[in-house]
């Protein structure tokens, strides 16, 4: 096929809803990561939460998104992608504006009537509903609004849009935070998704079904959860792998507060957080080519170990430069394991249940953030405020990552032989 023919195939292979939905994903991820990059410091510095509580609340924000995503697909299918996307962007706009307005005078009656911690926790949970609707709607639109011959390219475009947004979010958050009050980061995020609310209403049309299977209803999702829980081997793997995400999310939960309080109060922590997505964008193809011959589970274990050891860089010599180098190494571990993680789960799932199992593959991400927030607060308080030895935080984080990699290795040694033996017995 000539280049001209391929370009024509691409030009005609995607319907307008594909481009609208995937373009909006840039702004959704921009908003999410702008908020996440600034959240811990905002709670700690602007709202005067203790470090432990600020980190814990930040973990709720990150974790709720991924847990709620399990049920978002069912609701999006029920009400349609156009309604789901418009509702999601409206909810996100209101939620991000509320987060940035927690300290505003017009919310003073609520602050006086309700304890600040529970109030903030509820507000931080609200964006999860919006993100949970966006993800399945954009992925579903990509499937329905692209022809079969360009569908794989469509998913590549989607992944690219996600990473562009996750890079721009911390960048813009850092730019705004340097020049204005941190509350304006959340207002920027609110404006970004509000524009997408308008764009969806004006430009997005419900994509044709194209023979795509419909998503499960919410009741079926609940039944799928019990199906997954009955597979003890899978549940054990998910619980062990949650340790990786506890370690990974510390770049958003501990690192911003750590750099500001113990390294350089003038450092632009949001800009530092750009390192991870930039590495993912630039090196994913090359690293995957170099590691393609490594078995999937070994790649997962190796990536977990690399991410764990990465934190020793900043532990050895705390500085802005070593923070950047640390995040580059963290991203390298992420690149090694992420594609192979989903490959492993698809093979682990029983025949005919790959979709169900892949739907629950996001649970460790949410569990890692929820537990990681509590864990981050504990470390910041104990080693930073009590012992005044904040560098020890990273040794503990590394220990958790190394322990996770060790448990994965043990799991592989115990489970794979048992699996092979069961396969031979059934033959």
Foldseek 3Di string as FASTA:
>chain_A
DDPVVVVVQVVPFFDQQLVLLLLLLLLLLLLLLLCLQCQLVCCCPVVPDALLLSLLLSLLLQLLLLVLLLQQQQVCLVVFLLVLLLVLLLQLLVLLLCLLCLVPPVCVVVCVVDPSSVVSSVSSNRNSSSSSNSVNSNLQSLVQRGDPVCSVVSVVSSVVSNLSSNLNNLVVLLVDVLPHPSSVSSNVSSVSSVVSSVSSVPRHDGGDNNPPDGDDHSVVSVVLVVVQVVPVLLVVLLVLLLLLLLLLCCLSRAVVVCCCPPENVSDSSSNLVSLQSVLCVPCLVVLCVVCVPPQQLVLLLVLLLQLLCLLVQCLVPPYSVSSSSSSSSNSSSCSSHVVSLLVVQCVVDDPPCSVSSSSCSSNSNSSSSNVSSSLSSVLCCCCCVPVVNNSVSSVVSSVSSNVSSVVSVVSCVPPVVVVVVVVVVVD
